[in-house]
Amino acid sequence: MAALSSLGPGDQLDFSYLKQSLGATDGNLGAHLQRLEEAGYIKVDKTFVDRRPKTYLTATTRGRAAFEEHVAALREILDSPAGPSRG
């Protein structure tokens, strides 16, 4: 979600690029993406380029909002007095 949320609205990321960037396997990344798609957080577009299958991923408005909420919650934890030790 971080990689997809960093793109402009409507911009897409190629599955192969994301897989390589994360060092993930097809199956592992595919399983995660399926869950994100089922939650409505991403849109998956499958097409062919030069007769080869290509999968493009886009963060939805709902997915961007959920990711922003998640990041805000993490920042709150880190900034709280009970957060991680800074020593």
N, C-alpha and C. Protein backbone atom coordinates (compact mmCIF):
# COMPACT_ATOMS: atom_id res chain seq x y z
N MET A 1 0.83 -1.19 0.00
CA MET A 1 0.00 0.00 0.00
C MET A 1 0.87 1.25 0.00
N ALA A 2 2.02 1.19 0.65
CA ALA A 2 2.89 2.37 0.67
C ALA A 2 3.34 2.73 -0.74
N ALA A 3 3.73 1.73 -1.50
CA ALA A 3 4.18 1.99 -2.87
C ALA A 3 3.05 2.53 -3.73
N LEU A 4 1.87 1.96 -3.61
CA LEU A 4 0.73 2.40 -4.42
C LEU A 4 0.23 3.76 -3.97
N SER A 5 0.25 4.02 -2.67
CA SER A 5 -0.23 5.31 -2.16
C SER A 5 0.71 6.45 -2.50
N SER A 6 1.96 6.12 -2.79
CA SER A 6 2.92 7.18 -3.14
C SER A 6 2.73 7.67 -4.57
N LEU A 7 1.97 6.94 -5.36
CA LEU A 7 1.70 7.35 -6.74
C LEU A 7 0.59 8.40 -6.77
N GLY A 8 0.51 9.11 -7.86
CA GLY A 8 -0.58 10.05 -8.04
C GLY A 8 -1.89 9.30 -8.20
N PRO A 9 -3.02 9.97 -7.89
CA PRO A 9 -4.31 9.32 -8.06
C PRO A 9 -4.49 8.81 -9.50
N GLY A 10 -4.87 7.57 -9.64
CA GLY A 10 -5.08 6.98 -10.96
C GLY A 10 -3.82 6.41 -11.59
N ASP A 11 -2.64 6.71 -11.03
CA ASP A 11 -1.41 6.14 -11.57
C ASP A 11 -1.34 4.66 -11.21
N GLN A 12 -0.67 3.89 -12.05
CA GLN A 12 -0.59 2.45 -11.87
C GLN A 12 0.84 1.99 -11.64
N LEU A 13 0.95 0.84 -11.00
CA LEU A 13 2.24 0.20 -10.77
C LEU A 13 2.16 -1.20 -11.37
N ASP A 14 3.20 -1.60 -12.03
CA ASP A 14 3.27 -2.91 -12.65
C ASP A 14 3.56 -3.98 -11.59
N PHE A 15 2.82 -5.09 -11.65
CA PHE A 15 3.00 -6.20 -10.70
C PHE A 15 4.46 -6.64 -10.66
N SER A 16 5.08 -6.81 -11.81
CA SER A 16 6.47 -7.29 -11.86
C SER A 16 7.42 -6.34 -11.16
N TYR A 17 7.22 -5.05 -11.37
CA TYR A 17 8.06 -4.04 -10.71
C TYR A 17 7.89 -4.12 -9.19
N LEU A 18 6.64 -4.20 -8.74
CA LEU A 18 6.37 -4.27 -7.31
C LEU A 18 6.97 -5.54 -6.71
N LYS A 19 6.82 -6.66 -7.40
CA LYS A 19 7.38 -7.93 -6.94
C LYS A 19 8.89 -7.83 -6.78
N GLN A 20 9.54 -7.26 -7.76
CA GLN A 20 10.99 -7.11 -7.71
C GLN A 20 11.41 -6.15 -6.60
N SER A 21 10.70 -5.05 -6.46
CA SER A 21 11.02 -4.06 -5.43
C SER A 21 10.90 -4.63 -4.03
N LEU A 22 9.91 -5.49 -3.83
CA LEU A 22 9.68 -6.07 -2.51
C LEU A 22 10.44 -7.35 -2.26
N GLY A 23 10.97 -7.95 -3.32
CA GLY A 23 11.65 -9.23 -3.19
C GLY A 23 10.68 -10.34 -2.85
N ALA A 24 9.46 -10.21 -3.34
CA ALA A 24 8.40 -11.18 -3.04
C ALA A 24 8.29 -12.21 -4.16
N THR A 25 7.65 -13.32 -3.85
CA THR A 25 7.35 -14.31 -4.88
C THR A 25 6.01 -13.95 -5.52
N ASP A 26 5.75 -14.52 -6.68
CA ASP A 26 4.46 -14.30 -7.35
C ASP A 26 3.30 -14.68 -6.42
N GLY A 27 3.41 -15.86 -5.84
CA GLY A 27 2.33 -16.36 -5.00
C GLY A 27 2.10 -15.54 -3.75
N ASN A 28 3.19 -15.14 -3.09
CA ASN A 28 3.07 -14.36 -1.87
C ASN A 28 2.47 -12.99 -2.15
N LEU A 29 3.00 -12.31 -3.15
CA LEU A 29 2.48 -10.99 -3.49
C LEU A 29 1.05 -11.10 -4.00
N GLY A 30 0.79 -12.11 -4.80
CA GLY A 30 -0.56 -12.30 -5.32
C GLY A 30 -1.58 -12.48 -4.22
N ALA A 31 -1.23 -13.24 -3.17
CA ALA A 31 -2.14 -13.46 -2.05
C ALA A 31 -2.42 -12.16 -1.31
N HIS A 32 -1.39 -11.36 -1.08
CA HIS A 32 -1.58 -10.07 -0.40
C HIS A 32 -2.44 -9.13 -1.25
N LEU A 33 -2.16 -9.10 -2.53
CA LEU A 33 -2.93 -8.21 -3.41
C LEU A 33 -4.39 -8.65 -3.51
N GLN A 34 -4.62 -9.94 -3.48
CA GLN A 34 -6.00 -10.43 -3.53
C GLN A 34 -6.78 -9.94 -2.31
N ARG A 35 -6.16 -9.98 -1.14
CA ARG A 35 -6.83 -9.50 0.07
C ARG A 35 -7.09 -7.99 -0.01
N LEU A 36 -6.13 -7.25 -0.52
CA LEU A 36 -6.31 -5.81 -0.65
C LEU A 36 -7.42 -5.48 -1.66
N GLU A 37 -7.49 -6.26 -2.72
CA GLU A 37 -8.54 -6.06 -3.72
C GLU A 37 -9.91 -6.40 -3.12
N GLU A 38 -9.98 -7.49 -2.38
CA GLU A 38 -11.25 -7.89 -1.76
C GLU A 38 -11.74 -6.83 -0.77
N ALA A 39 -10.81 -6.14 -0.12
CA ALA A 39 -11.16 -5.08 0.83
C ALA A 39 -11.52 -3.77 0.13
N GLY A 40 -11.29 -3.73 -1.19
CA GLY A 40 -11.59 -2.51 -1.95
C GLY A 40 -10.49 -1.48 -1.87
N TYR A 41 -9.29 -1.90 -1.45
CA TYR A 41 -8.18 -0.96 -1.29
C TYR A 41 -7.38 -0.76 -2.57
N ILE A 42 -7.42 -1.74 -3.46
CA ILE A 42 -6.70 -1.60 -4.74
C ILE A 42 -7.60 -2.06 -5.88
N LYS A 43 -7.23 -1.60 -7.06
CA LYS A 43 -7.89 -2.05 -8.29
C LYS A 43 -6.82 -2.77 -9.11
N VAL A 44 -7.18 -3.94 -9.62
CA VAL A 44 -6.25 -4.74 -10.41
C VAL A 44 -6.73 -4.76 -11.85
N ASP A 45 -5.86 -4.34 -12.77
CA ASP A 45 -6.17 -4.35 -14.19
C ASP A 45 -5.23 -5.33 -14.88
N LYS A 46 -5.82 -6.35 -15.52
CA LYS A 46 -5.03 -7.34 -16.24
C LYS A 46 -5.24 -7.11 -17.73
N THR A 47 -4.13 -7.08 -18.47
CA THR A 47 -4.18 -6.82 -19.90
C THR A 47 -3.04 -7.57 -20.58
N PHE A 48 -2.91 -7.37 -21.87
CA PHE A 48 -1.79 -7.95 -22.62
C PHE A 48 -1.01 -6.83 -23.28
N VAL A 49 0.31 -6.93 -23.22
CA VAL A 49 1.21 -6.01 -23.90
C VAL A 49 2.15 -6.87 -24.74
N ASP A 50 2.12 -6.66 -26.03
CA ASP A 50 2.91 -7.50 -26.95
C ASP A 50 2.66 -8.99 -26.70
N ARG A 51 1.40 -9.34 -26.57
CA ARG A 51 0.95 -10.71 -26.37
C ARG A 51 1.40 -11.35 -25.05
N ARG A 52 1.87 -10.52 -24.13
CA ARG A 52 2.28 -11.03 -22.82
C ARG A 52 1.34 -10.45 -21.76
N PRO A 53 0.94 -11.26 -20.80
CA PRO A 53 0.05 -10.76 -19.75
C PRO A 53 0.75 -9.74 -18.87
N LYS A 54 0.02 -8.69 -18.54
CA LYS A 54 0.53 -7.64 -17.66
C LYS A 54 -0.54 -7.32 -16.63
N THR A 55 -0.12 -7.11 -15.41
CA THR A 55 -1.04 -6.75 -14.34
C THR A 55 -0.61 -5.41 -13.78
N TYR A 56 -1.57 -4.49 -13.74
CA TYR A 56 -1.32 -3.15 -13.21
C TYR A 56 -2.18 -2.94 -11.97
N LEU A 57 -1.61 -2.25 -11.00
CA LEU A 57 -2.27 -2.04 -9.72
C LEU A 57 -2.43 -0.55 -9.44
N THR A 58 -3.58 -0.20 -8.88
CA THR A 58 -3.89 1.18 -8.53
C THR A 58 -4.50 1.20 -7.14
N ALA A 59 -4.09 2.15 -6.32
CA ALA A 59 -4.73 2.33 -5.01
C ALA A 59 -6.06 3.04 -5.22
N THR A 60 -7.10 2.56 -4.57
CA THR A 60 -8.41 3.20 -4.65
C THR A 60 -8.47 4.34 -3.63
N THR A 61 -9.49 5.16 -3.75
CA THR A 61 -9.69 6.24 -2.78
C THR A 61 -9.84 5.64 -1.38
N ARG A 62 -10.60 4.56 -1.29
CA ARG A 62 -10.79 3.88 -0.01
C ARG A 62 -9.47 3.34 0.53
N GLY A 63 -8.65 2.77 -0.35
CA GLY A 63 -7.37 2.23 0.06
C GLY A 63 -6.41 3.31 0.53
N ARG A 64 -6.40 4.43 -0.17
CA ARG A 64 -5.54 5.54 0.24
C ARG A 64 -5.95 6.06 1.62
N ALA A 65 -7.26 6.19 1.84
CA ALA A 65 -7.75 6.68 3.12
C ALA A 65 -7.39 5.71 4.25
N ALA A 66 -7.56 4.42 4.01
CA ALA A 66 -7.23 3.41 5.02
C ALA A 66 -5.74 3.43 5.33
N PHE A 67 -4.92 3.59 4.31
CA PHE A 67 -3.46 3.62 4.52
C PHE A 67 -3.07 4.87 5.30
N GLU A 68 -3.67 6.01 4.97
CA GLU A 68 -3.38 7.25 5.70
C GLU A 68 -3.77 7.11 7.17
N GLU A 69 -4.91 6.48 7.45
CA GLU A 69 -5.33 6.25 8.84
C GLU A 69 -4.34 5.35 9.56
N HIS A 70 -3.87 4.33 8.87
CA HIS A 70 -2.90 3.40 9.45
C HIS A 70 -1.59 4.12 9.79
N VAL A 71 -1.10 4.93 8.88
CA VAL A 71 0.14 5.68 9.11
C VAL A 71 -0.05 6.66 10.27
N ALA A 72 -1.20 7.33 10.33
CA ALA A 72 -1.48 8.26 11.42
C ALA A 72 -1.49 7.53 12.77
N ALA A 73 -2.07 6.34 12.80
CA ALA A 73 -2.10 5.57 14.04
C ALA A 73 -0.69 5.17 14.46
N LEU A 74 0.14 4.79 13.51
CA LEU A 74 1.53 4.44 13.83
C LEU A 74 2.30 5.65 14.34
N ARG A 75 2.07 6.82 13.72
CA ARG A 75 2.75 8.04 14.19
C ARG A 75 2.32 8.38 15.61
N GLU A 76 1.05 8.20 15.90
CA GLU A 76 0.55 8.48 17.24
C GLU A 76 1.23 7.58 18.27
N ILE A 77 1.39 6.31 17.92
CA ILE A 77 2.08 5.38 18.82
C ILE A 77 3.52 5.81 19.02
N LEU A 78 4.20 6.16 17.94
CA LEU A 78 5.61 6.55 18.03
C LEU A 78 5.80 7.85 18.80
N ASP A 79 4.85 8.76 18.69
CA ASP A 79 4.96 10.07 19.34
C ASP A 79 4.44 10.08 20.77
N SER A 80 3.80 9.01 21.21
CA SER A 80 3.24 8.98 22.56
C SER A 80 4.33 8.76 23.60
N PRO A 81 4.10 9.25 24.82
CA PRO A 81 5.10 9.03 25.89
C PRO A 81 5.36 7.56 26.14
N ALA A 82 4.39 6.72 25.88
CA ALA A 82 4.57 5.27 26.09
C ALA A 82 5.13 4.58 24.86
N GLY A 83 5.47 5.38 23.84
CA GLY A 83 6.00 4.82 22.59
C GLY A 83 7.36 4.20 22.79
N PRO A 84 7.98 3.81 21.69
CA PRO A 84 9.28 3.14 21.76
C PRO A 84 10.31 3.99 22.49
N SER A 85 11.20 3.33 23.18
CA SER A 85 12.27 4.00 23.91
C SER A 85 13.16 4.77 22.94
N ARG A 86 13.48 5.97 23.28
CA ARG A 86 14.33 6.80 22.43
C ARG A 86 15.77 6.82 22.95
N GLY A 87 16.09 5.98 23.89
CA GLY A 87 17.42 6.03 24.51
C GLY A 87 18.30 5.06 23.96
